[in-house]
Amino acid sequence: MYSNAGINTAGRIVEVVSGMSYEDFMAKRLFDPLGMTDTTWRPTAEQMKRMAKTYRPIDKGKDLESMPISPLAQR
């Protein structure tokens, strides 16, 4: 089961130990060294157009409809 509390705790530990924000730490230590130049925590409108879609079943599971990724759609 996914746990927001777990990742939030791990992120906070990274911030305290590194003295950097979680976003900055991940960029410097993971994304930049891997050449992940288009990776972000806050996608632009252009990046949102390219994101994978999520789907949910409708009509008793016979069809699917796309839906926004809600935490990103609110920005």
PDB file of N, CA and C in Angstrom:
ATOM      1  N   MET A   1       0.841  -1.172   0.000  1.00  0.00           N
ATOM      2  CA  MET A   1       0.000   0.000   0.000  1.00  0.00           C
ATOM      3  C   MET A   1       0.891   1.242   0.000  1.00  0.00           C
ATOM      4  N   TYR A   2       0.568   2.209  -0.829  1.00  0.00           N
ATOM      5  CA  TYR A   2       1.353   3.430  -0.926  1.00  0.00           C
ATOM      6  C   TYR A   2       1.242   4.229   0.370  1.00  0.00           C
ATOM      7  N   SER A   3       2.349   4.829   0.768  1.00  0.00           N
ATOM      8  CA  SER A   3       2.367   5.562   2.030  1.00  0.00           C
ATOM      9  C   SER A   3       2.952   6.953   1.839  1.00  0.00           C
ATOM     10  N   ASN A   4       2.104   7.974   1.849  1.00  0.00           N
ATOM     11  CA  ASN A   4       2.603   9.343   1.789  1.00  0.00           C
ATOM     12  C   ASN A   4       3.446   9.669   3.013  1.00  0.00           C
ATOM     13  N   ALA A   5       3.055   9.163   4.167  1.00  0.00           N
ATOM     14  CA  ALA A   5       3.800   9.460   5.392  1.00  0.00           C
ATOM     15  C   ALA A   5       5.228   8.950   5.287  1.00  0.00           C
ATOM     16  N   GLY A   6       5.423   7.799   4.680  1.00  0.00           N
ATOM     17  CA  GLY A   6       6.762   7.224   4.549  1.00  0.00           C
ATOM     18  C   GLY A   6       7.666   8.065   3.662  1.00  0.00           C
ATOM     19  N   ILE A   7       7.174   8.446   2.486  1.00  0.00           N
ATOM     20  CA  ILE A   7       7.999   9.237   1.575  1.00  0.00           C
ATOM     21  C   ILE A   7       8.197  10.650   2.120  1.00  0.00           C
ATOM     22  N   ASN A   8       7.195  11.183   2.798  1.00  0.00           N
ATOM     23  CA  ASN A   8       7.346  12.507   3.405  1.00  0.00           C
ATOM     24  C   ASN A   8       8.421  12.484   4.493  1.00  0.00           C
ATOM     25  N   THR A   9       8.442  11.435   5.288  1.00  0.00           N
ATOM     26  CA  THR A   9       9.450  11.303   6.338  1.00  0.00           C
ATOM     27  C   THR A   9      10.835  11.163   5.726  1.00  0.00           C
ATOM     28  N   ALA A  10      10.968  10.322   4.712  1.00  0.00           N
ATOM     29  CA  ALA A  10      12.255  10.143   4.045  1.00  0.00           C
ATOM     30  C   ALA A  10      12.725  11.450   3.420  1.00  0.00           C
ATOM     31  N   GLY A  11      11.806  12.181   2.792  1.00  0.00           N
ATOM     32  CA  GLY A  11      12.157  13.468   2.195  1.00  0.00           C
ATOM     33  C   GLY A  11      12.646  14.459   3.233  1.00  0.00           C
ATOM     34  N   ARG A  12      12.001  14.479   4.365  1.00  0.00           N
ATOM     35  CA  ARG A  12      12.412  15.407   5.438  1.00  0.00           C
ATOM     36  C   ARG A  12      13.789  15.035   5.982  1.00  0.00           C
ATOM     37  N   ILE A  13      14.058  13.750   6.116  1.00  0.00           N
ATOM     38  CA  ILE A  13      15.381  13.304   6.577  1.00  0.00           C
ATOM     39  C   ILE A  13      16.450  13.766   5.594  1.00  0.00           C
ATOM     40  N   VAL A  14      16.173  13.626   4.290  1.00  0.00           N
ATOM     41  CA  VAL A  14      17.110  14.098   3.262  1.00  0.00           C
ATOM     42  C   VAL A  14      17.371  15.589   3.431  1.00  0.00           C
ATOM     43  N   GLU A  15      16.325  16.374   3.668  1.00  0.00           N
ATOM     44  CA  GLU A  15      16.485  17.820   3.838  1.00  0.00           C
ATOM     45  C   GLU A  15      17.358  18.158   5.044  1.00  0.00           C
ATOM     46  N   VAL A  16      17.096  17.517   6.175  1.00  0.00           N
ATOM     47  CA  VAL A  16      17.836  17.809   7.409  1.00  0.00           C
ATOM     48  C   VAL A  16      19.305  17.407   7.270  1.00  0.00           C
ATOM     49  N   VAL A  17      19.548  16.210   6.759  1.00  0.00           N
ATOM     50  CA  VAL A  17      20.920  15.711   6.655  1.00  0.00           C
ATOM     51  C   VAL A  17      21.723  16.480   5.610  1.00  0.00           C
ATOM     52  N   SER A  18      21.090  16.791   4.469  1.00  0.00           N
ATOM     53  CA  SER A  18      21.818  17.457   3.375  1.00  0.00           C
ATOM     54  C   SER A  18      21.870  18.975   3.517  1.00  0.00           C
ATOM     55  N   GLY A  19      20.937  19.550   4.269  1.00  0.00           N
ATOM     56  CA  GLY A  19      20.848  20.993   4.368  1.00  0.00           C
ATOM     57  C   GLY A  19      20.269  21.632   3.116  1.00  0.00           C
ATOM     58  N   MET A  20      19.641  20.824   2.270  1.00  0.00           N
ATOM     59  CA  MET A  20      19.047  21.296   1.015  1.00  0.00           C
ATOM     60  C   MET A  20      17.569  20.949   1.003  1.00  0.00           C
ATOM     61  N   SER A  21      16.814  21.663   0.162  1.00  0.00           N
ATOM     62  CA  SER A  21      15.421  21.256  -0.015  1.00  0.00           C
ATOM     63  C   SER A  21      15.411  19.903  -0.728  1.00  0.00           C
ATOM     64  N   TYR A  22      14.348  19.152  -0.559  1.00  0.00           N
ATOM     65  CA  TYR A  22      14.231  17.843  -1.203  1.00  0.00           C
ATOM     66  C   TYR A  22      14.340  17.985  -2.720  1.00  0.00           C
ATOM     67  N   GLU A  23      13.659  19.005  -3.274  1.00  0.00           N
ATOM     68  CA  GLU A  23      13.707  19.248  -4.724  1.00  0.00           C
ATOM     69  C   GLU A  23      15.131  19.499  -5.193  1.00  0.00           C
ATOM     70  N   ASP A  24      15.858  20.367  -4.494  1.00  0.00           N
ATOM     71  CA  ASP A  24      17.231  20.687  -4.891  1.00  0.00           C
ATOM     72  C   ASP A  24      18.145  19.472  -4.750  1.00  0.00           C
ATOM     73  N   PHE A  25      17.978  18.724  -3.674  1.00  0.00           N
ATOM     74  CA  PHE A  25      18.791  17.532  -3.464  1.00  0.00           C
ATOM     75  C   PHE A  25      18.574  16.534  -4.593  1.00  0.00           C
ATOM     76  N   MET A  26      17.319  16.264  -4.924  1.00  0.00           N
ATOM     77  CA  MET A  26      17.025  15.290  -5.982  1.00  0.00           C
ATOM     78  C   MET A  26      17.578  15.756  -7.329  1.00  0.00           C
ATOM     79  N   ALA A  27      17.472  17.055  -7.619  1.00  0.00           N
ATOM     80  CA  ALA A  27      18.010  17.581  -8.876  1.00  0.00           C
ATOM     81  C   ALA A  27      19.524  17.408  -8.917  1.00  0.00           C
ATOM     82  N   LYS A  28      20.204  17.825  -7.853  1.00  0.00           N
ATOM     83  CA  LYS A  28      21.664  17.797  -7.833  1.00  0.00           C
ATOM     84  C   LYS A  28      22.229  16.381  -7.788  1.00  0.00           C
ATOM     85  N   ARG A  29      21.631  15.519  -6.985  1.00  0.00           N
ATOM     86  CA  ARG A  29      22.216  14.197  -6.751  1.00  0.00           C
ATOM     87  C   ARG A  29      21.651  13.081  -7.620  1.00  0.00           C
ATOM     88  N   LEU A  30      20.502  13.311  -8.249  1.00  0.00           N
ATOM     89  CA  LEU A  30      19.899  12.235  -9.039  1.00  0.00           C
ATOM     90  C   LEU A  30      19.589  12.663 -10.472  1.00  0.00           C
ATOM     91  N   PHE A  31      18.742  13.663 -10.627  1.00  0.00           N
ATOM     92  CA  PHE A  31      18.271  14.025 -11.966  1.00  0.00           C
ATOM     93  C   PHE A  31      19.379  14.578 -12.857  1.00  0.00           C
ATOM     94  N   ASP A  32      20.155  15.531 -12.368  1.00  0.00           N
ATOM     95  CA  ASP A  32      21.228  16.121 -13.179  1.00  0.00           C
ATOM     96  C   ASP A  32      22.287  15.087 -13.576  1.00  0.00           C
ATOM     97  N   PRO A  33      22.808  14.286 -12.631  1.00  0.00           N
ATOM     98  CA  PRO A  33      23.811  13.293 -13.031  1.00  0.00           C
ATOM     99  C   PRO A  33      23.289  12.261 -14.047  1.00  0.00           C
ATOM    100  N   LEU A  34      21.997  11.997 -14.015  1.00  0.00           N
ATOM    101  CA  LEU A  34      21.424  11.035 -14.959  1.00  0.00           C
ATOM    102  C   LEU A  34      21.000  11.683 -16.279  1.00  0.00           C
ATOM    103  N   GLY A  35      21.194  12.993 -16.385  1.00  0.00           N
ATOM    104  CA  GLY A  35      20.823  13.692 -17.605  1.00  0.00           C
ATOM    105  C   GLY A  35      19.322  13.866 -17.765  1.00  0.00           C
ATOM    106  N   MET A  36      18.599  13.849 -16.665  1.00  0.00           N
ATOM    107  CA  MET A  36      17.138  13.980 -16.696  1.00  0.00           C
ATOM    108  C   MET A  36      16.784  15.467 -16.699  1.00  0.00           C
ATOM    109  N   THR A  37      16.955  16.107 -17.854  1.00  0.00           N
ATOM    110  CA  THR A  37      16.825  17.553 -17.956  1.00  0.00           C
ATOM    111  C   THR A  37      15.385  18.041 -17.993  1.00  0.00           C
ATOM    112  N   ASP A  38      14.428  17.157 -18.187  1.00  0.00           N
ATOM    113  CA  ASP A  38      13.027  17.565 -18.274  1.00  0.00           C
ATOM    114  C   ASP A  38      12.216  17.055 -17.078  1.00  0.00           C
ATOM    115  N   THR A  39      12.901  16.642 -16.035  1.00  0.00           N
ATOM    116  CA  THR A  39      12.238  16.132 -14.838  1.00  0.00           C
ATOM    117  C   THR A  39      11.981  17.285 -13.879  1.00  0.00           C
ATOM    118  N   THR A  40      10.760  17.361 -13.343  1.00  0.00           N
ATOM    119  CA  THR A  40      10.399  18.480 -12.481  1.00  0.00           C
ATOM    120  C   THR A  40       9.331  18.059 -11.480  1.00  0.00           C
ATOM    121  N   TRP A  41       9.201  18.839 -10.435  1.00  0.00           N
ATOM    122  CA  TRP A  41       8.136  18.627  -9.449  1.00  0.00           C
ATOM    123  C   TRP A  41       6.904  19.437  -9.807  1.00  0.00           C
ATOM    124  N   ARG A  42       7.101  20.478 -10.598  1.00  0.00           N
ATOM    125  CA  ARG A  42       5.998  21.368 -10.982  1.00  0.00           C
ATOM    126  C   ARG A  42       5.983  21.532 -12.496  1.00  0.00           C
ATOM    127  N   PRO A  43       5.310  20.617 -13.198  1.00  0.00           N
ATOM    128  CA  PRO A  43       5.325  20.673 -14.660  1.00  0.00           C
ATOM    129  C   PRO A  43       4.657  21.923 -15.217  1.00  0.00           C
ATOM    130  N   THR A  44       5.225  22.412 -16.306  1.00  0.00           N
ATOM    131  CA  THR A  44       4.644  23.548 -17.013  1.00  0.00           C
ATOM    132  C   THR A  44       3.443  23.056 -17.825  1.00  0.00           C
ATOM    133  N   ALA A  45       2.704  23.986 -18.397  1.00  0.00           N
ATOM    134  CA  ALA A  45       1.558  23.610 -19.241  1.00  0.00           C
ATOM    135  C   ALA A  45       2.023  22.750 -20.404  1.00  0.00           C
ATOM    136  N   GLU A  46       3.162  23.072 -20.991  1.00  0.00           N
ATOM    137  CA  GLU A  46       3.701  22.288 -22.112  1.00  0.00           C
ATOM    138  C   GLU A  46       4.056  20.865 -21.659  1.00  0.00           C
ATOM    139  N   GLN A  47       4.681  20.736 -20.494  1.00  0.00           N
ATOM    140  CA  GLN A  47       5.018  19.410 -19.977  1.00  0.00           C
ATOM    141  C   GLN A  47       3.758  18.611 -19.651  1.00  0.00           C
ATOM    142  N   MET A  48       2.730  19.273 -19.132  1.00  0.00           N
ATOM    143  CA  MET A  48       1.475  18.582 -18.808  1.00  0.00           C
ATOM    144  C   MET A  48       0.852  17.947 -20.051  1.00  0.00           C
ATOM    145  N   LYS A  49       1.002  18.595 -21.203  1.00  0.00           N
ATOM    146  CA  LYS A  49       0.457  18.047 -22.447  1.00  0.00           C
ATOM    147  C   LYS A  49       1.102  16.718 -22.803  1.00  0.00           C
ATOM    148  N   ARG A  50       2.344  16.505 -22.368  1.00  0.00           N
ATOM    149  CA  ARG A  50       3.091  15.302 -22.715  1.00  0.00           C
ATOM    150  C   ARG A  50       3.026  14.205 -21.658  1.00  0.00           C
ATOM    151  N   MET A  51       2.353  14.476 -20.556  1.00  0.00           N
ATOM    152  CA  MET A  51       2.294  13.481 -19.480  1.00  0.00           C
ATOM    153  C   MET A  51       1.379  12.314 -19.838  1.00  0.00           C
ATOM    154  N   ALA A  52       1.717  11.156 -19.321  1.00  0.00           N
ATOM    155  CA  ALA A  52       0.852   9.998 -19.490  1.00  0.00           C
ATOM    156  C   ALA A  52      -0.490  10.275 -18.825  1.00  0.00           C
ATOM    157  N   LYS A  53      -1.528   9.746 -19.399  1.00  0.00           N
ATOM    158  CA  LYS A  53      -2.868   9.938 -18.839  1.00  0.00           C
ATOM    159  C   LYS A  53      -3.220   8.794 -17.898  1.00  0.00           C
ATOM    160  N   THR A  54      -4.094   9.092 -16.963  1.00  0.00           N
ATOM    161  CA  THR A  54      -4.648   8.047 -16.120  1.00  0.00           C
ATOM    162  C   THR A  54      -6.084   7.807 -16.579  1.00  0.00           C
ATOM    163  N   TYR A  55      -6.568   6.624 -16.327  1.00  0.00           N
ATOM    164  CA  TYR A  55      -7.915   6.254 -16.764  1.00  0.00           C
ATOM    165  C   TYR A  55      -8.682   5.611 -15.623  1.00  0.00           C
ATOM    166  N   ARG A  56      -9.995   5.717 -15.707  1.00  0.00           N
ATOM    167  CA  ARG A  56     -10.863   5.034 -14.743  1.00  0.00           C
ATOM    168  C   ARG A  56     -11.980   4.343 -15.520  1.00  0.00           C
ATOM    169  N   PRO A  57     -12.476   3.243 -14.964  1.00  0.00           N
ATOM    170  CA  PRO A  57     -13.545   2.519 -15.667  1.00  0.00           C
ATOM    171  C   PRO A  57     -14.877   3.256 -15.582  1.00  0.00           C
ATOM    172  N   ILE A  58     -15.648   3.158 -16.644  1.00  0.00           N
ATOM    173  CA  ILE A  58     -17.019   3.668 -16.675  1.00  0.00           C
ATOM    174  C   ILE A  58     -17.909   2.585 -17.266  1.00  0.00           C
ATOM    175  N   ASP A  59     -19.185   2.774 -17.220  1.00  0.00           N
ATOM    176  CA  ASP A  59     -20.146   1.808 -17.774  1.00  0.00           C
ATOM    177  C   ASP A  59     -19.905   0.400 -17.243  1.00  0.00           C
ATOM    178  N   LYS A  60     -19.824   0.294 -15.935  1.00  0.00           N
ATOM    179  CA  LYS A  60     -19.619  -1.003 -15.278  1.00  0.00           C
ATOM    180  C   LYS A  60     -18.376  -1.719 -15.787  1.00  0.00           C
ATOM    181  N   GLY A  61     -17.321  -0.935 -16.046  1.00  0.00           N
ATOM    182  CA  GLY A  61     -16.049  -1.509 -16.441  1.00  0.00           C
ATOM    183  C   GLY A  61     -15.910  -1.822 -17.913  1.00  0.00           C
ATOM    184  N   LYS A  62     -16.908  -1.482 -18.728  1.00  0.00           N
ATOM    185  CA  LYS A  62     -16.840  -1.791 -20.155  1.00  0.00           C
ATOM    186  C   LYS A  62     -15.973  -0.799 -20.919  1.00  0.00           C
ATOM    187  N   ASP A  63     -15.907   0.431 -20.476  1.00  0.00           N
ATOM    188  CA  ASP A  63     -15.128   1.465 -21.138  1.00  0.00           C
ATOM    189  C   ASP A  63     -14.272   2.205 -20.114  1.00  0.00           C
ATOM    190  N   LEU A  64     -13.344   2.994 -20.636  1.00  0.00           N
ATOM    191  CA  LEU A  64     -12.480   3.815 -19.786  1.00  0.00           C
ATOM    192  C   LEU A  64     -12.611   5.272 -20.189  1.00  0.00           C
ATOM    193  N   GLU A  65     -12.436   6.154 -19.197  1.00  0.00           N
ATOM    194  CA  GLU A  65     -12.368   7.576 -19.490  1.00  0.00           C
ATOM    195  C   GLU A  65     -11.089   8.123 -18.879  1.00  0.00           C
ATOM    196  N   SER A  66     -10.469   9.070 -19.581  1.00  0.00           N
ATOM    197  CA  SER A  66      -9.240   9.666 -19.037  1.00  0.00           C
ATOM    198  C   SER A  66      -9.622  10.654 -17.933  1.00  0.00           C
ATOM    199  N   MET A  67      -8.689  10.840 -17.019  1.00  0.00           N
ATOM    200  CA  MET A  67      -8.909  11.757 -15.918  1.00  0.00           C
ATOM    201  C   MET A  67      -7.594  12.437 -15.582  1.00  0.00           C
ATOM    202  N   PRO A  68      -7.652  13.653 -15.056  1.00  0.00           N
ATOM    203  CA  PRO A  68      -6.403  14.351 -14.720  1.00  0.00           C
ATOM    204  C   PRO A  68      -5.741  13.734 -13.488  1.00  0.00           C
ATOM    205  N   ILE A  69      -4.448  13.912 -13.401  1.00  0.00           N
ATOM    206  CA  ILE A  69      -3.741  13.542 -12.177  1.00  0.00           C
ATOM    207  C   ILE A  69      -4.002  14.678 -11.209  1.00  0.00           C
ATOM    208  N   SER A  70      -4.884  14.462 -10.269  1.00  0.00           N
ATOM    209  CA  SER A  70      -5.451  15.551  -9.467  1.00  0.00           C
ATOM    210  C   SER A  70      -4.451  16.467  -8.775  1.00  0.00           C
ATOM    211  N   PRO A  71      -3.384  15.988  -8.143  1.00  0.00           N
ATOM    212  CA  PRO A  71      -2.475  16.950  -7.522  1.00  0.00           C
ATOM    213  C   PRO A  71      -1.835  17.894  -8.539  1.00  0.00           C
ATOM    214  N   LEU A  72      -1.616  17.440  -9.761  1.00  0.00           N
ATOM    215  CA  LEU A  72      -1.026  18.292 -10.785  1.00  0.00           C
ATOM    216  C   LEU A  72      -2.062  19.186 -11.429  1.00  0.00           C
ATOM    217  N   ALA A  73      -3.290  18.722 -11.537  1.00  0.00           N
ATOM    218  CA  ALA A  73      -4.343  19.499 -12.191  1.00  0.00           C
ATOM    219  C   ALA A  73      -4.709  20.731 -11.379  1.00  0.00           C
ATOM    220  N   GLN A  74      -4.446  20.731 -10.078  1.00  0.00           N
ATOM    221  CA  GLN A  74      -4.821  21.852  -9.226  1.00  0.00           C
ATOM    222  C   GLN A  74      -3.857  23.014  -9.338  1.00  0.00           C
ATOM    223  N   ARG A  75      -2.730  22.852  -9.975  1.00  0.00           N
ATOM    224  CA  ARG A  75      -1.705  23.911 -10.047  1.00  0.00           C
ATOM    225  C   ARG A  75      -2.006  24.884 -11.126  1.00  0.00           C
TER     226      ARG A  75
END
